[in-house]
Amino acid sequence: MTSITALLSRGAAGLEAASPLEFASLVLPRSPNTCLAAPGWHPGFKHLETPIYPVSTARLFAVLGQVAGEFPRTHPRGNWPERHQAQWVERSQIMNYPDIIVAEVVAAPNGGAGLFLYSHSLFGWSDMGVNRARVDRWLAALMRAA
């Protein structure tokens, strides 16, 4: 992927092929242009804690796909239903910057479903809170829909 190709493309075009993300070994970058929301039992660093959803992992994953489709300029990038993980790219309205959103639904230890939701910029150092706001919007929409 070249920066020019990524910026001039639409949707997920112009980006490197998506591959599943291993949340257990995720190391966040030093830059502040990310936001990770994770279940409380996840031992690693997280910006936000996600609730336990009182539904099955399959149901939450299906709802997640529906919710993602409601956001403007958000396009599918990768989908691994066997691991309940999917990725999207959301492009900024004016500059067309691509940000990546990765979500994985996991079984909660005592029933229900947990969610990892990671949003990060591909370009720049600071995002002025864009990724945190996006994760907040997705979590609120998911809570209403689930």
Protein backbone atom coordinates (compact mmCIF):
# COMPACT_ATOMS: atom_id res chain seq x y z
CA MET A 1 0.00 0.00 0.00
CA THR A 2 1.29 3.44 -0.82
CA SER A 3 0.00 6.49 1.00
CA ILE A 4 -1.23 8.04 -2.25
CA THR A 5 -3.11 4.90 -3.26
CA ALA A 6 -4.71 4.63 0.19
CA LEU A 7 -5.81 8.27 0.13
CA LEU A 8 -7.14 8.26 -3.43
CA SER A 9 -9.08 5.01 -3.09
CA ARG A 10 -12.59 4.43 -1.83
CA GLY A 11 -13.80 1.91 0.73
CA ALA A 12 -11.22 -0.76 1.52
CA ALA A 13 -9.58 -0.41 -1.89
CA GLY A 14 -5.98 0.78 -1.85
CA LEU A 15 -5.27 -0.80 1.55
CA GLU A 16 -3.22 -3.88 2.36
CA ALA A 17 -5.23 -7.09 2.54
CA ALA A 18 -6.84 -7.58 5.93
CA SER A 19 -5.79 -10.39 8.23
CA PRO A 20 -7.21 -11.37 11.63
CA LEU A 21 -5.91 -9.48 14.64
CA GLU A 22 -4.76 -11.37 17.72
CA PHE A 23 -6.07 -9.30 20.61
CA ALA A 24 -4.21 -11.44 23.14
CA SER A 25 -0.88 -10.23 21.75
CA LEU A 26 -1.89 -6.75 20.57
CA VAL A 27 0.65 -4.08 21.45
CA LEU A 28 -0.74 -0.59 21.06
CA PRO A 29 1.44 2.00 19.33
CA ARG A 30 2.91 4.92 21.26
CA SER A 31 0.86 7.34 19.17
CA PRO A 32 -2.43 8.59 20.66
CA ASN A 33 -4.44 7.85 17.50
CA THR A 34 -5.99 4.60 18.72
CA CYS A 35 -8.73 3.41 21.02
CA LEU A 36 -9.11 -0.10 22.39
CA ALA A 37 -12.23 -1.22 24.21
CA ALA A 38 -12.00 -4.68 25.77
CA PRO A 39 -13.78 -6.86 28.31
CA GLY A 40 -12.90 -6.34 31.95
CA TRP A 41 -11.26 -9.75 32.21
CA HIS A 42 -8.77 -8.92 29.43
CA PRO A 43 -5.45 -8.49 31.27
CA GLY A 44 -3.90 -6.02 28.85
CA PHE A 45 -4.23 -2.26 28.62
CA LYS A 46 -7.53 -0.88 27.37
CA HIS A 47 -8.87 2.63 26.99
CA LEU A 48 -12.44 1.51 27.71
CA GLU A 49 -14.06 -1.52 29.29
CA THR A 50 -16.85 -3.22 27.35
CA PRO A 51 -19.83 -4.75 29.15
CA ILE A 52 -20.90 -8.35 29.09
CA TYR A 53 -23.76 -8.60 26.63
CA PRO A 54 -26.59 -10.96 27.66
CA VAL A 55 -26.71 -12.65 24.24
CA SER A 56 -24.82 -15.42 22.46
CA THR A 57 -21.58 -14.69 20.63
CA ALA A 58 -23.29 -15.52 17.32
CA ARG A 59 -26.11 -13.05 18.04
CA LEU A 60 -23.76 -10.24 19.10
CA PHE A 61 -21.59 -10.81 16.02
CA ALA A 62 -24.66 -10.58 13.77
CA VAL A 63 -25.84 -7.38 15.47
CA LEU A 64 -22.34 -5.94 15.21
CA GLY A 65 -22.42 -6.40 11.43
CA GLN A 66 -25.77 -4.64 11.22
CA VAL A 67 -24.62 -1.75 13.40
CA ALA A 68 -21.41 -1.30 11.38
CA GLY A 69 -23.46 -0.94 8.21
CA GLU A 70 -25.30 2.06 9.67
CA PHE A 71 -22.24 4.28 9.96
CA PRO A 72 -21.43 6.61 7.06
CA ARG A 73 -18.27 6.05 5.01
CA THR A 74 -17.76 2.67 6.74
CA HIS A 75 -16.95 -0.27 4.48
CA PRO A 76 -16.23 -3.96 5.13
CA ARG A 77 -12.54 -4.86 5.02
CA GLY A 78 -12.36 -8.43 6.31
CA ASN A 79 -14.59 -11.02 7.94
CA TRP A 80 -13.72 -14.20 9.84
CA PRO A 81 -17.06 -15.57 11.10
CA GLU A 82 -15.44 -18.71 12.53
CA ARG A 83 -13.63 -16.51 15.05
CA HIS A 84 -16.39 -13.86 15.28
CA GLN A 85 -14.02 -11.17 14.04
CA ALA A 86 -14.56 -8.55 11.35
CA GLN A 87 -12.81 -5.40 10.15
CA TRP A 88 -14.04 -2.23 8.53
CA VAL A 89 -12.46 0.90 7.14
CA GLU A 90 -14.03 4.28 7.83
CA ARG A 91 -12.87 7.15 5.68
CA SER A 92 -12.87 10.74 6.91
CA GLN A 93 -15.38 12.98 5.20
CA ILE A 94 -13.05 15.64 3.82
CA MET A 95 -9.55 14.17 3.49
CA ASN A 96 -10.56 10.52 2.88
CA TYR A 97 -8.14 9.28 5.57
CA PRO A 98 -8.71 5.56 6.23
CA ASP A 99 -9.14 4.43 9.82
CA ILE A 100 -9.43 0.74 10.65
CA ILE A 101 -12.01 -0.74 13.01
CA VAL A 102 -11.53 -4.30 14.26
CA ALA A 103 -14.13 -6.12 16.35
CA GLU A 104 -14.11 -9.57 17.86
CA VAL A 105 -16.88 -11.16 19.90
CA VAL A 106 -15.81 -13.68 22.54
CA ALA A 107 -17.61 -15.88 25.04
CA ALA A 108 -17.75 -14.29 28.48
CA PRO A 109 -16.43 -16.48 31.34
CA ASN A 110 -19.83 -16.78 33.08
CA GLY A 111 -22.13 -16.64 30.06
CA GLY A 112 -23.06 -13.99 27.56
CA ALA A 113 -20.67 -12.34 25.13
CA GLY A 114 -17.73 -9.97 25.42
CA LEU A 115 -16.42 -7.58 22.80
CA PHE A 116 -13.04 -6.30 21.70
CA LEU A 117 -13.33 -3.12 19.62
CA TYR A 118 -10.20 -1.44 18.29
CA SER A 119 -10.14 1.68 16.14
CA HIS A 120 -6.92 3.16 14.84
CA SER A 121 -5.64 5.62 12.28
CA LEU A 122 -3.33 4.51 9.50
CA PHE A 123 -1.81 7.97 9.08
CA GLY A 124 -0.61 10.68 11.42
CA TRP A 125 0.23 10.85 15.10
CA SER A 126 -2.77 12.42 16.78
CA ASP A 127 -6.38 12.02 15.76
CA MET A 128 -7.85 14.69 18.08
CA GLY A 129 -10.04 12.06 19.75
CA VAL A 130 -11.63 10.70 16.57
CA ASN A 131 -10.99 7.03 17.33
CA ARG A 132 -12.22 7.30 20.92
CA ALA A 133 -15.39 9.06 19.74
CA ARG A 134 -15.90 6.36 17.10
CA VAL A 135 -15.57 3.56 19.65
CA ASP A 136 -18.02 5.38 21.94
CA ARG A 137 -20.52 5.69 19.04
CA TRP A 138 -20.18 2.02 18.11
CA LEU A 139 -20.59 0.86 21.71
CA ALA A 140 -23.68 3.04 22.21
CA ALA A 141 -25.23 1.81 18.95
CA LEU A 142 -24.46 -1.79 19.85
CA MET A 143 -26.00 -1.41 23.31
CA ARG A 144 -29.20 -0.05 21.73
CA ALA A 145 -29.33 -2.84 19.14
CA ALA A 146 -28.32 -5.80 21.31
